[in-house]
Amino acid sequence: MSGLNGARHVVTVNGRSVPLQPTGRAGEFVCGVRYRAWQPASALHPTIGVHAPLTFDIVDNWMERSLAAAGTMSPIPVAATT
């Protein structure tokens, strides 16, 4: 992301703050998000649930409000159960 002030802006995912790392260019930051989109039957960690959908927010700490938001959906369709 570019145009952010590291002391003023915070990126959150599902309400949790994500640490921004400077890229070396003024006002440009990167971050990484690791999440579980679905839970296959033979999962390595069967007790960890699905984290989808994700909601990303850019929060302005000075104004105490969200400036922008975006969401994701799971790429794997969920089968309906009857």
PDB file of N, CA and C in Angstrom:
ATOM      1  N   MET A   1       0.842  -1.143   0.000  1.00  0.00           N
ATOM      2  CA  MET A   1       0.000   0.000   0.000  1.00  0.00           C
ATOM      3  C   MET A   1       0.897   1.218   0.000  1.00  0.00           C
ATOM      4  N   SER A   2       0.418   2.259  -0.618  1.00  0.00           N
ATOM      5  CA  SER A   2       1.209   3.487  -0.647  1.00  0.00           C
ATOM      6  C   SER A   2       0.342   4.659  -0.199  1.00  0.00           C
ATOM      7  N   GLY A   3       0.997   5.709   0.246  1.00  0.00           N
ATOM      8  CA  GLY A   3       0.297   6.902   0.702  1.00  0.00           C
ATOM      9  C   GLY A   3      -0.138   6.851   2.146  1.00  0.00           C
ATOM     10  N   LEU A   4       0.343   5.873   2.894  1.00  0.00           N
ATOM     11  CA  LEU A   4      -0.037   5.757   4.299  1.00  0.00           C
ATOM     12  C   LEU A   4       0.999   6.393   5.203  1.00  0.00           C
ATOM     13  N   ASN A   5       0.544   6.826   6.348  1.00  0.00           N
ATOM     14  CA  ASN A   5       1.408   7.333   7.399  1.00  0.00           C
ATOM     15  C   ASN A   5       1.439   6.243   8.461  1.00  0.00           C
ATOM     16  N   GLY A   6       2.607   5.651   8.686  1.00  0.00           N
ATOM     17  CA  GLY A   6       2.728   4.527   9.614  1.00  0.00           C
ATOM     18  C   GLY A   6       2.277   4.835  11.031  1.00  0.00           C
ATOM     19  N   ALA A   7       2.382   6.095  11.462  1.00  0.00           N
ATOM     20  CA  ALA A   7       1.954   6.473  12.810  1.00  0.00           C
ATOM     21  C   ALA A   7       0.452   6.748  12.864  1.00  0.00           C
ATOM     22  N   ARG A   8      -0.151   7.007  11.716  1.00  0.00           N
ATOM     23  CA  ARG A   8      -1.561   7.390  11.681  1.00  0.00           C
ATOM     24  C   ARG A   8      -2.487   6.259  11.237  1.00  0.00           C
ATOM     25  N   HIS A   9      -2.074   5.474  10.260  1.00  0.00           N
ATOM     26  CA  HIS A   9      -2.942   4.475   9.658  1.00  0.00           C
ATOM     27  C   HIS A   9      -2.625   3.065  10.142  1.00  0.00           C
ATOM     28  N   VAL A  10      -3.670   2.280  10.305  1.00  0.00           N
ATOM     29  CA  VAL A  10      -3.551   0.886  10.729  1.00  0.00           C
ATOM     30  C   VAL A  10      -4.405   0.049   9.780  1.00  0.00           C
ATOM     31  N   VAL A  11      -3.896  -1.107   9.396  1.00  0.00           N
ATOM     32  CA  VAL A  11      -4.675  -2.055   8.606  1.00  0.00           C
ATOM     33  C   VAL A  11      -5.142  -3.147   9.560  1.00  0.00           C
ATOM     34  N   THR A  12      -6.432  -3.448   9.504  1.00  0.00           N
ATOM     35  CA  THR A  12      -6.974  -4.520  10.331  1.00  0.00           C
ATOM     36  C   THR A  12      -7.601  -5.592   9.448  1.00  0.00           C
ATOM     37  N   VAL A  13      -7.544  -6.816   9.924  1.00  0.00           N
ATOM     38  CA  VAL A  13      -8.204  -7.941   9.267  1.00  0.00           C
ATOM     39  C   VAL A  13      -9.094  -8.592  10.319  1.00  0.00           C
ATOM     40  N   ASN A  14     -10.388  -8.601  10.044  1.00  0.00           N
ATOM     41  CA  ASN A  14     -11.379  -9.112  10.997  1.00  0.00           C
ATOM     42  C   ASN A  14     -11.202  -8.472  12.378  1.00  0.00           C
ATOM     43  N   GLY A  15     -10.881  -7.185  12.385  1.00  0.00           N
ATOM     44  CA  GLY A  15     -10.756  -6.437  13.624  1.00  0.00           C
ATOM     45  C   GLY A  15      -9.412  -6.530  14.315  1.00  0.00           C
ATOM     46  N   ARG A  16      -8.490  -7.296  13.771  1.00  0.00           N
ATOM     47  CA  ARG A  16      -7.156  -7.429  14.378  1.00  0.00           C
ATOM     48  C   ARG A  16      -6.141  -6.638  13.575  1.00  0.00           C
ATOM     49  N   SER A  17      -5.308  -5.910  14.269  1.00  0.00           N
ATOM     50  CA  SER A  17      -4.287  -5.095  13.626  1.00  0.00           C
ATOM     51  C   SER A  17      -3.232  -5.968  12.943  1.00  0.00           C
ATOM     52  N   VAL A  18      -2.845  -5.582  11.729  1.00  0.00           N
ATOM     53  CA  VAL A  18      -1.821  -6.299  10.967  1.00  0.00           C
ATOM     54  C   VAL A  18      -0.567  -5.423  10.943  1.00  0.00           C
ATOM     55  N   PRO A  19       0.597  -5.961  11.339  1.00  0.00           N
ATOM     56  CA  PRO A  19       1.815  -5.133  11.346  1.00  0.00           C
ATOM     57  C   PRO A  19       2.251  -4.772   9.921  1.00  0.00           C
ATOM     58  N   LEU A  20       2.417  -3.494   9.681  1.00  0.00           N
ATOM     59  CA  LEU A  20       2.879  -2.994   8.387  1.00  0.00           C
ATOM     60  C   LEU A  20       4.396  -2.878   8.402  1.00  0.00           C
ATOM     61  N   GLN A  21       5.033  -3.295   7.331  1.00  0.00           N
ATOM     62  CA  GLN A  21       6.487  -3.219   7.211  1.00  0.00           C
ATOM     63  C   GLN A  21       6.840  -2.233   6.104  1.00  0.00           C
ATOM     64  N   PRO A  22       7.726  -1.276   6.373  1.00  0.00           N
ATOM     65  CA  PRO A  22       8.108  -0.317   5.329  1.00  0.00           C
ATOM     66  C   PRO A  22       8.905  -1.003   4.218  1.00  0.00           C
ATOM     67  N   THR A  23       8.716  -0.538   2.990  1.00  0.00           N
ATOM     68  CA  THR A  23       9.418  -1.114   1.843  1.00  0.00           C
ATOM     69  C   THR A  23      10.717  -0.381   1.531  1.00  0.00           C
ATOM     70  N   GLY A  24      10.926   0.772   2.133  1.00  0.00           N
ATOM     71  CA  GLY A  24      12.088   1.597   1.822  1.00  0.00           C
ATOM     72  C   GLY A  24      11.692   2.843   1.032  1.00  0.00           C
ATOM     73  N   ARG A  25      10.490   2.838   0.476  1.00  0.00           N
ATOM     74  CA  ARG A  25       9.954   4.019  -0.203  1.00  0.00           C
ATOM     75  C   ARG A  25       9.055   4.760   0.762  1.00  0.00           C
ATOM     76  N   ALA A  26       9.076   6.060   0.716  1.00  0.00           N
ATOM     77  CA  ALA A  26       8.290   6.892   1.635  1.00  0.00           C
ATOM     78  C   ALA A  26       6.797   6.606   1.475  1.00  0.00           C
ATOM     79  N   GLY A  27       6.130   6.310   2.571  1.00  0.00           N
ATOM     80  CA  GLY A  27       4.691   6.098   2.566  1.00  0.00           C
ATOM     81  C   GLY A  27       4.230   4.773   1.985  1.00  0.00           C
ATOM     82  N   GLU A  28       5.151   3.831   1.734  1.00  0.00           N
ATOM     83  CA  GLU A  28       4.781   2.541   1.146  1.00  0.00           C
ATOM     84  C   GLU A  28       5.049   1.420   2.143  1.00  0.00           C
ATOM     85  N   PHE A  29       4.054   0.562   2.340  1.00  0.00           N
ATOM     86  CA  PHE A  29       4.147  -0.517   3.310  1.00  0.00           C
ATOM     87  C   PHE A  29       3.604  -1.806   2.720  1.00  0.00           C
ATOM     88  N   VAL A  30       4.029  -2.930   3.279  1.00  0.00           N
ATOM     89  CA  VAL A  30       3.511  -4.241   2.905  1.00  0.00           C
ATOM     90  C   VAL A  30       3.138  -4.994   4.175  1.00  0.00           C
ATOM     91  N   CYS A  31       2.279  -5.985   4.036  1.00  0.00           N
ATOM     92  CA  CYS A  31       1.936  -6.851   5.159  1.00  0.00           C
ATOM     93  C   CYS A  31       1.513  -8.201   4.593  1.00  0.00           C
ATOM     94  N   GLY A  32       1.504  -9.187   5.436  1.00  0.00           N
ATOM     95  CA  GLY A  32       1.086 -10.521   5.024  1.00  0.00           C
ATOM     96  C   GLY A  32      -0.004 -11.037   5.939  1.00  0.00           C
ATOM     97  N   VAL A  33      -0.920 -11.786   5.354  1.00  0.00           N
ATOM     98  CA  VAL A  33      -2.011 -12.369   6.128  1.00  0.00           C
ATOM     99  C   VAL A  33      -2.072 -13.857   5.799  1.00  0.00           C
ATOM    100  N   ARG A  34      -1.988 -14.665   6.819  1.00  0.00           N
ATOM    101  CA  ARG A  34      -2.097 -16.114   6.652  1.00  0.00           C
ATOM    102  C   ARG A  34      -3.419 -16.536   7.277  1.00  0.00           C
ATOM    103  N   TYR A  35      -4.211 -17.258   6.510  1.00  0.00           N
ATOM    104  CA  TYR A  35      -5.513 -17.647   7.019  1.00  0.00           C
ATOM    105  C   TYR A  35      -5.937 -18.994   6.440  1.00  0.00           C
ATOM    106  N   ARG A  36      -6.959 -19.545   7.016  1.00  0.00           N
ATOM    107  CA  ARG A  36      -7.481 -20.826   6.549  1.00  0.00           C
ATOM    108  C   ARG A  36      -8.801 -20.575   5.834  1.00  0.00           C
ATOM    109  N   ALA A  37      -8.830 -20.849   4.534  1.00  0.00           N
ATOM    110  CA  ALA A  37     -10.011 -20.588   3.717  1.00  0.00           C
ATOM    111  C   ALA A  37     -11.059 -21.696   3.827  1.00  0.00           C
ATOM    112  N   TRP A  38     -10.634 -22.923   4.023  1.00  0.00           N
ATOM    113  CA  TRP A  38     -11.558 -24.039   4.160  1.00  0.00           C
ATOM    114  C   TRP A  38     -10.908 -25.105   5.024  1.00  0.00           C
ATOM    115  N   GLN A  39     -11.671 -26.090   5.408  1.00  0.00           N
ATOM    116  CA  GLN A  39     -11.174 -27.141   6.298  1.00  0.00           C
ATOM    117  C   GLN A  39     -11.364 -28.503   5.635  1.00  0.00           C
ATOM    118  N   PRO A  40     -10.322 -28.978   4.930  1.00  0.00           N
ATOM    119  CA  PRO A  40     -10.440 -30.289   4.295  1.00  0.00           C
ATOM    120  C   PRO A  40     -10.514 -31.408   5.345  1.00  0.00           C
ATOM    121  N   ALA A  41     -11.026 -32.542   4.926  1.00  0.00           N
ATOM    122  CA  ALA A  41     -11.213 -33.675   5.851  1.00  0.00           C
ATOM    123  C   ALA A  41      -9.897 -34.173   6.433  1.00  0.00           C
ATOM    124  N   SER A  42      -8.812 -34.106   5.666  1.00  0.00           N
ATOM    125  CA  SER A  42      -7.520 -34.608   6.150  1.00  0.00           C
ATOM    126  C   SER A  42      -6.581 -33.445   6.468  1.00  0.00           C
ATOM    127  N   ALA A  43      -7.034 -32.507   7.263  1.00  0.00           N
ATOM    128  CA  ALA A  43      -6.244 -31.317   7.588  1.00  0.00           C
ATOM    129  C   ALA A  43      -5.139 -31.645   8.596  1.00  0.00           C
ATOM    130  N   LEU A  44      -4.037 -30.908   8.509  1.00  0.00           N
ATOM    131  CA  LEU A  44      -2.928 -31.084   9.437  1.00  0.00           C
ATOM    132  C   LEU A  44      -3.331 -30.670  10.850  1.00  0.00           C
ATOM    133  N   HIS A  45      -4.101 -29.593  10.956  1.00  0.00           N
ATOM    134  CA  HIS A  45      -4.570 -29.102  12.252  1.00  0.00           C
ATOM    135  C   HIS A  45      -6.103 -29.083  12.230  1.00  0.00           C
ATOM    136  N   PRO A  46      -6.748 -30.184  12.534  1.00  0.00           N
ATOM    137  CA  PRO A  46      -8.206 -30.256  12.420  1.00  0.00           C
ATOM    138  C   PRO A  46      -8.969 -29.392  13.413  1.00  0.00           C
ATOM    139  N   THR A  47      -8.300 -28.930  14.470  1.00  0.00           N
ATOM    140  CA  THR A  47      -9.004 -28.125  15.469  1.00  0.00           C
ATOM    141  C   THR A  47      -9.021 -26.641  15.134  1.00  0.00           C
ATOM    142  N   ILE A  48      -8.255 -26.216  14.129  1.00  0.00           N
ATOM    143  CA  ILE A  48      -8.269 -24.811  13.714  1.00  0.00           C
ATOM    144  C   ILE A  48      -9.384 -24.632  12.700  1.00  0.00           C
ATOM    145  N   GLY A  49     -10.297 -23.740  13.000  1.00  0.00           N
ATOM    146  CA  GLY A  49     -11.446 -23.521  12.131  1.00  0.00           C
ATOM    147  C   GLY A  49     -11.145 -22.618  10.943  1.00  0.00           C
ATOM    148  N   VAL A  50     -12.147 -22.416  10.123  1.00  0.00           N
ATOM    149  CA  VAL A  50     -12.051 -21.581   8.932  1.00  0.00           C
ATOM    150  C   VAL A  50     -12.060 -20.113   9.330  1.00  0.00           C
ATOM    151  N   HIS A  51     -11.225 -19.308   8.671  1.00  0.00           N
ATOM    152  CA  HIS A  51     -11.132 -17.884   8.962  1.00  0.00           C
ATOM    153  C   HIS A  51     -11.882 -17.022   7.952  1.00  0.00           C
ATOM    154  N   ALA A  52     -12.499 -17.619   6.960  1.00  0.00           N
ATOM    155  CA  ALA A  52     -13.174 -16.859   5.906  1.00  0.00           C
ATOM    156  C   ALA A  52     -14.605 -16.567   6.334  1.00  0.00           C
ATOM    157  N   PRO A  53     -15.208 -15.491   5.920  1.00  0.00           N
ATOM    158  CA  PRO A  53     -14.636 -14.461   5.056  1.00  0.00           C
ATOM    159  C   PRO A  53     -13.751 -13.506   5.852  1.00  0.00           C
ATOM    160  N   LEU A  54     -12.828 -12.868   5.153  1.00  0.00           N
ATOM    161  CA  LEU A  54     -11.944 -11.881   5.758  1.00  0.00           C
ATOM    162  C   LEU A  54     -12.461 -10.478   5.434  1.00  0.00           C
ATOM    163  N   THR A  55     -12.340  -9.576   6.392  1.00  0.00           N
ATOM    164  CA  THR A  55     -12.703  -8.179   6.179  1.00  0.00           C
ATOM    165  C   THR A  55     -11.486  -7.323   6.479  1.00  0.00           C
ATOM    166  N   PHE A  56     -11.024  -6.593   5.474  1.00  0.00           N
ATOM    167  CA  PHE A  56      -9.871  -5.703   5.606  1.00  0.00           C
ATOM    168  C   PHE A  56     -10.356  -4.276   5.786  1.00  0.00           C
ATOM    169  N   ASP A  57      -9.754  -3.552   6.730  1.00  0.00           N
ATOM    170  CA  ASP A  57     -10.074  -2.145   6.955  1.00  0.00           C
ATOM    171  C   ASP A  57      -8.786  -1.337   7.028  1.00  0.00           C
ATOM    172  N   ILE A  58      -8.822  -0.138   6.489  1.00  0.00           N
ATOM    173  CA  ILE A  58      -7.754   0.837   6.706  1.00  0.00           C
ATOM    174  C   ILE A  58      -8.325   1.847   7.686  1.00  0.00           C
ATOM    175  N   VAL A  59      -7.726   1.914   8.853  1.00  0.00           N
ATOM    176  CA  VAL A  59      -8.243   2.744   9.936  1.00  0.00           C
ATOM    177  C   VAL A  59      -7.340   3.946  10.138  1.00  0.00           C
ATOM    178  N   ASP A  60      -7.962   5.106  10.247  1.00  0.00           N
ATOM    179  CA  ASP A  60      -7.258   6.357  10.555  1.00  0.00           C
ATOM    180  C   ASP A  60      -7.337   6.548  12.061  1.00  0.00           C
ATOM    181  N   ASN A  61      -6.215   6.378  12.761  1.00  0.00           N
ATOM    182  CA  ASN A  61      -6.207   6.502  14.224  1.00  0.00           C
ATOM    183  C   ASN A  61      -6.469   7.922  14.697  1.00  0.00           C
ATOM    184  N   TRP A  62      -6.098   8.911  13.913  1.00  0.00           N
ATOM    185  CA  TRP A  62      -6.309  10.301  14.321  1.00  0.00           C
ATOM    186  C   TRP A  62      -7.791  10.667  14.272  1.00  0.00           C
ATOM    187  N   MET A  63      -8.492  10.199  13.243  1.00  0.00           N
ATOM    188  CA  MET A  63      -9.918  10.494  13.098  1.00  0.00           C
ATOM    189  C   MET A  63     -10.790   9.420  13.770  1.00  0.00           C
ATOM    190  N   GLU A  64     -10.165   8.303  14.172  1.00  0.00           N
ATOM    191  CA  GLU A  64     -10.836   7.185  14.827  1.00  0.00           C
ATOM    192  C   GLU A  64     -11.998   6.646  13.987  1.00  0.00           C
ATOM    193  N   ARG A  65     -11.693   6.365  12.693  1.00  0.00           N
ATOM    194  CA  ARG A  65     -12.715   5.796  11.814  1.00  0.00           C
ATOM    195  C   ARG A  65     -12.059   5.017  10.683  1.00  0.00           C
ATOM    196  N   SER A  66     -12.845   4.164  10.061  1.00  0.00           N
ATOM    197  CA  SER A  66     -12.371   3.372   8.932  1.00  0.00           C
ATOM    198  C   SER A  66     -12.417   4.221   7.665  1.00  0.00           C
ATOM    199  N   LEU A  67     -11.331   4.192   6.899  1.00  0.00           N
ATOM    200  CA  LEU A  67     -11.274   4.948   5.650  1.00  0.00           C
ATOM    201  C   LEU A  67     -11.732   4.109   4.465  1.00  0.00           C
ATOM    202  N   ALA A  68     -11.467   2.819   4.511  1.00  0.00           N
ATOM    203  CA  ALA A  68     -11.833   1.921   3.417  1.00  0.00           C
ATOM    204  C   ALA A  68     -11.966   0.511   3.960  1.00  0.00           C
ATOM    205  N   ALA A  69     -12.764  -0.284   3.284  1.00  0.00           N
ATOM    206  CA  ALA A  69     -12.950  -1.672   3.690  1.00  0.00           C
ATOM    207  C   ALA A  69     -13.133  -2.539   2.455  1.00  0.00           C
ATOM    208  N   ALA A  70     -12.711  -3.783   2.580  1.00  0.00           N
ATOM    209  CA  ALA A  70     -12.887  -4.762   1.506  1.00  0.00           C
ATOM    210  C   ALA A  70     -13.046  -6.127   2.150  1.00  0.00           C
ATOM    211  N   GLY A  71     -13.693  -7.022   1.452  1.00  0.00           N
ATOM    212  CA  GLY A  71     -13.907  -8.359   1.989  1.00  0.00           C
ATOM    213  C   GLY A  71     -13.541  -9.427   0.985  1.00  0.00           C
ATOM    214  N   THR A  72     -13.381 -10.632   1.481  1.00  0.00           N
ATOM    215  CA  THR A  72     -13.088 -11.784   0.634  1.00  0.00           C
ATOM    216  C   THR A  72     -14.089 -12.878   0.936  1.00  0.00           C
ATOM    217  N   MET A  73     -14.195 -13.790   0.017  1.00  0.00           N
ATOM    218  CA  MET A  73     -15.014 -14.978   0.230  1.00  0.00           C
ATOM    219  C   MET A  73     -14.150 -16.192  -0.040  1.00  0.00           C
ATOM    220  N   SER A  74     -14.539 -17.317   0.487  1.00  0.00           N
ATOM    221  CA  SER A  74     -13.792 -18.545   0.298  1.00  0.00           C
ATOM    222  C   SER A  74     -13.784 -18.949  -1.172  1.00  0.00           C
ATOM    223  N   PRO A  75     -12.611 -19.345  -1.700  1.00  0.00           N
ATOM    224  CA  PRO A  75     -12.566 -19.765  -3.098  1.00  0.00           C
ATOM    225  C   PRO A  75     -13.163 -21.155  -3.344  1.00  0.00           C
ATOM    226  N   ILE A  76     -13.390 -21.892  -2.290  1.00  0.00           N
ATOM    227  CA  ILE A  76     -13.947 -23.238  -2.401  1.00  0.00           C
ATOM    228  C   ILE A  76     -15.440 -23.185  -2.076  1.00  0.00           C
ATOM    229  N   PRO A  77     -16.297 -23.596  -2.998  1.00  0.00           N
ATOM    230  CA  PRO A  77     -17.728 -23.573  -2.693  1.00  0.00           C
ATOM    231  C   PRO A  77     -18.071 -24.560  -1.581  1.00  0.00           C
ATOM    232  N   VAL A  78     -18.970 -24.165  -0.743  1.00  0.00           N
ATOM    233  CA  VAL A  78     -19.384 -25.008   0.364  1.00  0.00           C
ATOM    234  C   VAL A  78     -20.622 -25.782  -0.059  1.00  0.00           C
ATOM    235  N   ALA A  79     -20.602 -27.085   0.113  1.00  0.00           N
ATOM    236  CA  ALA A  79     -21.729 -27.918  -0.278  1.00  0.00           C
ATOM    237  C   ALA A  79     -22.878 -27.733   0.708  1.00  0.00           C
ATOM    238  N   ALA A  80     -24.051 -27.617   0.173  1.00  0.00           N
ATOM    239  CA  ALA A  80     -25.244 -27.464   1.028  1.00  0.00           C
ATOM    240  C   ALA A  80     -25.571 -28.817   1.651  1.00  0.00           C
ATOM    241  N   THR A  81     -25.955 -28.784   2.909  1.00  0.00           N
ATOM    242  CA  THR A  81     -26.353 -30.013   3.599  1.00  0.00           C
ATOM    243  C   THR A  81     -27.853 -29.983   3.816  1.00  0.00           C
ATOM    244  N   THR A  82     -28.461 -31.115   3.707  1.00  0.00           N
ATOM    245  CA  THR A  82     -29.919 -31.175   3.902  1.00  0.00           C
ATOM    246  C   THR A  82     -30.281 -32.132   4.989  1.00  0.00           C
TER     247      THR A  82
END
